[in-house]
Amino acid sequence: MYIIRIQGTKKIPDYIQIRDEDFTLIAYFRLNNPTRSLTRCNLVDKMEKILAIASQLPYGEMRKLEF
């Protein structure tokens, strides 16, 4: 899986995308409200690690998630 941080605009907040190996969108959430989206895709147990990576990730950079 891959994680990408998308920079928002004045009206649209910053978002995090999690994509699988084929770059299909798995989860799409705001950094301040990840619980519902991560619960839907069964990643809530890895939420702390995902949020730690996402908070340090520069905008537009893609990073591979390894659990």
C-alpha atoms as a PDB file:
ATOM      1  CA  MET A   1       0.000   0.000   0.000  1.00  0.00           C
ATOM      2  CA  TYR A   2       0.992   3.593  -0.585  1.00  0.00           C
ATOM      3  CA  ILE A   3       0.211   6.820   1.261  1.00  0.00           C
ATOM      4  CA  ILE A   4      -0.032  10.276  -0.330  1.00  0.00           C
ATOM      5  CA  ARG A   5      -0.662  13.651   1.307  1.00  0.00           C
ATOM      6  CA  ILE A   6      -2.728  16.055  -0.803  1.00  0.00           C
ATOM      7  CA  GLN A   7      -2.578  19.794  -0.112  1.00  0.00           C
ATOM      8  CA  GLY A   8      -5.961  21.467   0.070  1.00  0.00           C
ATOM      9  CA  THR A   9      -7.031  24.993  -0.754  1.00  0.00           C
ATOM     10  CA  LYS A  10      -8.724  27.653   1.348  1.00  0.00           C
ATOM     11  CA  LYS A  11     -12.102  25.886   1.062  1.00  0.00           C
ATOM     12  CA  ILE A  12     -10.869  22.285   0.773  1.00  0.00           C
ATOM     13  CA  PRO A  13      -8.786  20.828   3.658  1.00  0.00           C
ATOM     14  CA  ASP A  14      -5.656  18.684   3.324  1.00  0.00           C
ATOM     15  CA  TYR A  15      -6.361  15.003   2.701  1.00  0.00           C
ATOM     16  CA  ILE A  16      -4.538  11.691   2.973  1.00  0.00           C
ATOM     17  CA  GLN A  17      -4.968   8.968   0.368  1.00  0.00           C
ATOM     18  CA  ILE A  18      -4.101   5.313   0.888  1.00  0.00           C
ATOM     19  CA  ARG A  19      -3.811   3.276  -2.296  1.00  0.00           C
ATOM     20  CA  ASP A  20      -3.124  -0.408  -2.934  1.00  0.00           C
ATOM     21  CA  GLU A  21      -0.410  -1.934  -5.135  1.00  0.00           C
ATOM     22  CA  ASP A  22      -2.473  -1.196  -8.283  1.00  0.00           C
ATOM     23  CA  PHE A  23      -2.950   2.427  -7.086  1.00  0.00           C
ATOM     24  CA  THR A  24      -6.657   1.858  -6.465  1.00  0.00           C
ATOM     25  CA  LEU A  25      -7.981   4.235  -3.811  1.00  0.00           C
ATOM     26  CA  ILE A  26      -8.492   2.393  -0.508  1.00  0.00           C
ATOM     27  CA  ALA A  27      -9.007   5.266   1.944  1.00  0.00           C
ATOM     28  CA  TYR A  28      -9.397   9.041   1.650  1.00  0.00           C
ATOM     29  CA  PHE A  29      -9.559  11.120   4.836  1.00  0.00           C
ATOM     30  CA  ARG A  30      -8.657  14.356   6.554  1.00  0.00           C
ATOM     31  CA  LEU A  31      -5.723  14.096   8.904  1.00  0.00           C
ATOM     32  CA  ASN A  32      -7.845  15.322  11.832  1.00  0.00           C
ATOM     33  CA  ASN A  33     -10.644  12.741  11.281  1.00  0.00           C
ATOM     34  CA  PRO A  34      -9.289   9.353  10.115  1.00  0.00           C
ATOM     35  CA  THR A  35     -11.289   6.911  12.258  1.00  0.00           C
ATOM     36  CA  ARG A  36     -14.355   6.361  10.087  1.00  0.00           C
ATOM     37  CA  SER A  37     -12.425   5.920   6.836  1.00  0.00           C
ATOM     38  CA  LEU A  38      -9.801   3.610   8.336  1.00  0.00           C
ATOM     39  CA  THR A  39     -12.504   1.539  10.038  1.00  0.00           C
ATOM     40  CA  ARG A  40     -14.216   0.932   6.686  1.00  0.00           C
ATOM     41  CA  CYS A  41     -11.052  -0.479   5.131  1.00  0.00           C
ATOM     42  CA  ASN A  42      -9.977  -2.463   8.239  1.00  0.00           C
ATOM     43  CA  LEU A  43      -6.895  -0.353   8.969  1.00  0.00           C
ATOM     44  CA  VAL A  44      -7.993   1.061  12.328  1.00  0.00           C
ATOM     45  CA  ASP A  45      -5.492  -1.153  14.171  1.00  0.00           C
ATOM     46  CA  LYS A  46      -2.678   0.503  12.182  1.00  0.00           C
ATOM     47  CA  MET A  47      -4.035   4.048  12.627  1.00  0.00           C
ATOM     48  CA  GLU A  48      -1.235   5.313  14.896  1.00  0.00           C
ATOM     49  CA  LYS A  49       1.482   4.276  12.457  1.00  0.00           C
ATOM     50  CA  ILE A  50      -0.422   5.709   9.471  1.00  0.00           C
ATOM     51  CA  LEU A  51      -1.007   9.043  11.230  1.00  0.00           C
ATOM     52  CA  ALA A  52       2.636   9.291  12.311  1.00  0.00           C
ATOM     53  CA  ILE A  53       3.795   8.802   8.720  1.00  0.00           C
ATOM     54  CA  ALA A  54       1.111  11.107   7.285  1.00  0.00           C
ATOM     55  CA  SER A  55       1.902  13.993   9.625  1.00  0.00           C
ATOM     56  CA  GLN A  56       5.561  14.006   8.517  1.00  0.00           C
ATOM     57  CA  LEU A  57       4.909  13.365   4.828  1.00  0.00           C
ATOM     58  CA  PRO A  58       5.489  16.347   2.485  1.00  0.00           C
ATOM     59  CA  TYR A  59       2.642  17.308   0.167  1.00  0.00           C
ATOM     60  CA  GLY A  60       2.492  15.339  -3.072  1.00  0.00           C
ATOM     61  CA  GLU A  61       5.066  12.736  -2.032  1.00  0.00           C
ATOM     62  CA  MET A  62       4.113   9.080  -2.200  1.00  0.00           C
ATOM     63  CA  ARG A  63       5.520   6.648   0.336  1.00  0.00           C
ATOM     64  CA  LYS A  64       5.150   2.890   0.545  1.00  0.00           C
ATOM     65  CA  LEU A  65       3.432   1.596   3.691  1.00  0.00           C
ATOM     66  CA  GLU A  66       4.921  -1.569   5.106  1.00  0.00           C
ATOM     67  CA  PHE A  67       3.182  -3.200   8.039  1.00  0.00           C
END
